[in-house]
Structures are given as structure tokens and as C-alpha cells.
Amino acid sequence: MAAKKSKDDLRRVLDNEGKVLKGAKVPKLSDEELHKIFDTLLMVRIVDDRMMRLQRQGQLGFYMKSLGEEASHLSVFPLRKTDWVLPSYREQGAWFWAGYTIDDFINQLFG
């Protein structure tokens, strides 16, 4: 996705109403791909909320939420299945996108 440079050097693709800015390039994504992206972002929010509650209750030693950063996790979208992904904390979406299950993720947290 190529973003259009604005006068204050911010990179924007959408205007304030959510419409594509003139000159910005938007990738062609199928409905299936868009649904998978949305589902992954939603899953990150739900898992974040539940894991943070466990951490606050003292049942989980360490957890970092990624609230507001979820979309950056999907920078792994164009990678091939054979490419390596080595996410850290606050990158749960990249784990899930690469095929890590919720069970794998939670086991790793409690491991």
C-alpha cells in the first residue's frame, strides 16, 4: 500500500471520512482476506482483554496488551508461508496470522 505524503509529513491512505485519498494506492484484497484480517484483529482484542484480566488477578506473570497496535501486526500479511515470523510481546496478531493457535499462545504464556 502506497500512502500519499501530506504537508505535515504524515502518511495517509484514507481521509477523515474513510475514503481513499487521491493518489494513494490500495491493494486489491478479496472479501475472504478482509474477513480473515478483521477476525485476526478482533481475536487479538479478545485475547488481550482476557489475558490482561488474568495478569491483574495474579494468575499470569507477564502480559503486554497491544491495544491500538493491532493493525501493525498484520504487516506479515504479504509474507509467504515459508517465511519466518518471530514476534515478540504486543505482536499477537502476527503469531495468529502465522498459524499459532490460541491454545499455543496461552500455553506459551503459562509455560
C-alpha atoms as a PDB file:
ATOM      1  CA  MET A   1       0.000   0.000   0.000  1.00  0.00           C
ATOM      2  CA  ALA A   2       1.493   3.317  -1.001  1.00  0.00           C
ATOM      3  CA  ALA A   3       0.478   6.206   1.189  1.00  0.00           C
ATOM      4  CA  LYS A   4       0.258   9.762  -0.003  1.00  0.00           C
ATOM      5  CA  LYS A   5       2.608  12.224   1.700  1.00  0.00           C
ATOM      6  CA  SER A   6       0.777  15.095   3.360  1.00  0.00           C
ATOM      7  CA  LYS A   7       2.096  18.566   4.113  1.00  0.00           C
ATOM      8  CA  ASP A   8       2.974  17.696   7.728  1.00  0.00           C
ATOM      9  CA  ASP A   9       4.842  14.553   6.553  1.00  0.00           C
ATOM     10  CA  LEU A  10       2.203  12.132   7.808  1.00  0.00           C
ATOM     11  CA  ARG A  11       1.467   9.164   5.559  1.00  0.00           C
ATOM     12  CA  ARG A  12      -2.226   8.784   4.884  1.00  0.00           C
ATOM     13  CA  VAL A  13      -4.270   6.496   2.698  1.00  0.00           C
ATOM     14  CA  LEU A  14      -7.752   7.483   3.921  1.00  0.00           C
ATOM     15  CA  ASP A  15      -9.319  10.861   4.562  1.00  0.00           C
ATOM     16  CA  ASN A  16     -11.257  11.688   7.726  1.00  0.00           C
ATOM     17  CA  GLU A  17     -14.410  10.124   6.242  1.00  0.00           C
ATOM     18  CA  GLY A  18     -12.640   6.843   5.388  1.00  0.00           C
ATOM     19  CA  LYS A  19     -12.394   7.466   1.655  1.00  0.00           C
ATOM     20  CA  VAL A  20      -9.201   6.707  -0.270  1.00  0.00           C
ATOM     21  CA  LEU A  21      -7.153   9.832  -0.880  1.00  0.00           C
ATOM     22  CA  LYS A  22      -6.436  10.815  -4.463  1.00  0.00           C
ATOM     23  CA  GLY A  23      -3.062   9.375  -5.462  1.00  0.00           C
ATOM     24  CA  ALA A  24      -2.985   6.719  -2.737  1.00  0.00           C
ATOM     25  CA  LYS A  25      -2.704   3.124  -3.883  1.00  0.00           C
ATOM     26  CA  VAL A  26      -4.815   0.487  -2.180  1.00  0.00           C
ATOM     27  CA  PRO A  27      -4.089  -3.229  -2.615  1.00  0.00           C
ATOM     28  CA  LYS A  28      -6.747  -5.471  -4.105  1.00  0.00           C
ATOM     29  CA  LEU A  29      -7.925  -7.801  -1.324  1.00  0.00           C
ATOM     30  CA  SER A  30     -10.624 -10.405  -1.574  1.00  0.00           C
ATOM     31  CA  ASP A  31     -13.571 -10.433   0.816  1.00  0.00           C
ATOM     32  CA  GLU A  32     -12.113 -13.607   2.314  1.00  0.00           C
ATOM     33  CA  GLU A  33      -8.768 -11.886   3.012  1.00  0.00           C
ATOM     34  CA  LEU A  34     -10.503  -8.857   4.534  1.00  0.00           C
ATOM     35  CA  HIS A  35     -12.615 -11.100   6.778  1.00  0.00           C
ATOM     36  CA  LYS A  36      -9.530 -13.018   7.922  1.00  0.00           C
ATOM     37  CA  ILE A  37      -7.733  -9.744   8.725  1.00  0.00           C
ATOM     38  CA  PHE A  38     -10.731  -8.454  10.677  1.00  0.00           C
ATOM     39  CA  ASP A  39     -11.155 -11.766  12.529  1.00  0.00           C
ATOM     40  CA  THR A  40      -7.464 -11.737  13.486  1.00  0.00           C
ATOM     41  CA  LEU A  41      -7.670  -8.156  14.772  1.00  0.00           C
ATOM     42  CA  LEU A  42     -10.785  -8.989  16.763  1.00  0.00           C
ATOM     43  CA  MET A  43      -9.173 -12.119  18.192  1.00  0.00           C
ATOM     44  CA  VAL A  44      -6.181 -10.057  19.360  1.00  0.00           C
ATOM     45  CA  ARG A  45      -8.507  -7.667  21.196  1.00  0.00           C
ATOM     46  CA  ILE A  46     -10.409 -10.507  22.884  1.00  0.00           C
ATOM     47  CA  VAL A  47      -7.268 -12.436  23.870  1.00  0.00           C
ATOM     48  CA  ASP A  48      -5.635  -9.218  25.113  1.00  0.00           C
ATOM     49  CA  ASP A  49      -8.605  -8.440  27.320  1.00  0.00           C
ATOM     50  CA  ARG A  50      -8.782 -11.916  28.831  1.00  0.00           C
ATOM     51  CA  MET A  51      -5.038 -12.320  29.356  1.00  0.00           C
ATOM     52  CA  MET A  52      -4.742  -8.883  30.945  1.00  0.00           C
ATOM     53  CA  ARG A  53      -7.507  -9.799  33.401  1.00  0.00           C
ATOM     54  CA  LEU A  54      -5.607 -12.965  34.335  1.00  0.00           C
ATOM     55  CA  GLN A  55      -2.406 -10.961  34.755  1.00  0.00           C
ATOM     56  CA  ARG A  56      -4.143  -8.420  37.016  1.00  0.00           C
ATOM     57  CA  GLN A  57      -5.549 -11.274  39.128  1.00  0.00           C
ATOM     58  CA  GLY A  58      -2.047 -12.645  39.628  1.00  0.00           C
ATOM     59  CA  GLN A  59      -2.712 -15.780  37.566  1.00  0.00           C
ATOM     60  CA  LEU A  60      -0.345 -14.785  34.773  1.00  0.00           C
ATOM     61  CA  GLY A  61       3.094 -13.357  35.431  1.00  0.00           C
ATOM     62  CA  PHE A  62       3.591 -11.008  32.499  1.00  0.00           C
ATOM     63  CA  TYR A  63       1.373  -9.698  29.730  1.00  0.00           C
ATOM     64  CA  MET A  64       1.531  -6.646  27.481  1.00  0.00           C
ATOM     65  CA  LYS A  65      -1.610  -5.538  25.667  1.00  0.00           C
ATOM     66  CA  SER A  66      -1.361  -4.305  22.112  1.00  0.00           C
ATOM     67  CA  LEU A  67      -4.404  -2.037  22.218  1.00  0.00           C
ATOM     68  CA  GLY A  68      -4.246   0.336  19.267  1.00  0.00           C
ATOM     69  CA  GLU A  69      -1.325  -1.504  17.666  1.00  0.00           C
ATOM     70  CA  GLU A  70      -3.244  -4.480  16.279  1.00  0.00           C
ATOM     71  CA  ALA A  71      -3.157  -3.383  12.648  1.00  0.00           C
ATOM     72  CA  SER A  72       0.646  -3.200  12.693  1.00  0.00           C
ATOM     73  CA  HIS A  73       0.685  -6.946  13.455  1.00  0.00           C
ATOM     74  CA  LEU A  74      -0.761  -7.619  10.028  1.00  0.00           C
ATOM     75  CA  SER A  75       2.332  -6.289   8.280  1.00  0.00           C
ATOM     76  CA  VAL A  76       3.045 -10.020   7.971  1.00  0.00           C
ATOM     77  CA  PHE A  77       0.123 -10.332   5.521  1.00  0.00           C
ATOM     78  CA  PRO A  78       2.231 -10.378   2.318  1.00  0.00           C
ATOM     79  CA  LEU A  79       4.731 -12.933   3.638  1.00  0.00           C
ATOM     80  CA  ARG A  80       4.896 -16.447   2.224  1.00  0.00           C
ATOM     81  CA  LYS A  81       4.018 -19.456   4.382  1.00  0.00           C
ATOM     82  CA  THR A  82       7.712 -20.409   4.299  1.00  0.00           C
ATOM     83  CA  ASP A  83       8.880 -17.033   5.665  1.00  0.00           C
ATOM     84  CA  TRP A  84       9.846 -16.919   9.315  1.00  0.00           C
ATOM     85  CA  VAL A  85       7.907 -14.796  11.776  1.00  0.00           C
ATOM     86  CA  LEU A  86       9.471 -14.147  15.189  1.00  0.00           C
ATOM     87  CA  PRO A  87       7.039 -11.878  17.014  1.00  0.00           C
ATOM     88  CA  SER A  88       7.562 -10.548  20.489  1.00  0.00           C
ATOM     89  CA  TYR A  89       5.072  -9.257  23.051  1.00  0.00           C
ATOM     90  CA  ARG A  90       2.481  -6.844  21.656  1.00  0.00           C
ATOM     91  CA  GLU A  91       2.568  -8.714  18.334  1.00  0.00           C
ATOM     92  CA  GLN A  92      -0.035 -11.385  18.992  1.00  0.00           C
ATOM     93  CA  GLY A  93      -1.725 -10.831  15.634  1.00  0.00           C
ATOM     94  CA  ALA A  94       1.467 -11.801  13.791  1.00  0.00           C
ATOM     95  CA  TRP A  95       1.579 -15.039  15.778  1.00  0.00           C
ATOM     96  CA  PHE A  96      -2.038 -15.844  14.979  1.00  0.00           C
ATOM     97  CA  TRP A  97      -1.667 -14.890  11.313  1.00  0.00           C
ATOM     98  CA  ALA A  98       1.307 -17.245  11.004  1.00  0.00           C
ATOM     99  CA  GLY A  99      -0.827 -20.130  12.298  1.00  0.00           C
ATOM    100  CA  TYR A 100      -0.166 -20.034  16.031  1.00  0.00           C
ATOM    101  CA  THR A 101      -3.355 -21.188  17.748  1.00  0.00           C
ATOM    102  CA  ILE A 102      -4.893 -19.596  20.813  1.00  0.00           C
ATOM    103  CA  ASP A 103      -4.003 -22.772  22.723  1.00  0.00           C
ATOM    104  CA  ASP A 104      -0.357 -22.467  21.605  1.00  0.00           C
ATOM    105  CA  PHE A 105      -0.308 -18.805  22.599  1.00  0.00           C
ATOM    106  CA  ILE A 106      -1.834 -19.332  26.035  1.00  0.00           C
ATOM    107  CA  ASN A 107       0.392 -22.360  26.715  1.00  0.00           C
ATOM    108  CA  GLN A 108       3.407 -20.217  25.853  1.00  0.00           C
ATOM    109  CA  LEU A 109       2.240 -17.510  28.279  1.00  0.00           C
ATOM    110  CA  PHE A 110       1.820 -20.004  31.100  1.00  0.00           C
ATOM    111  CA  GLY A 111       4.904 -22.035  30.054  1.00  0.00           C
END
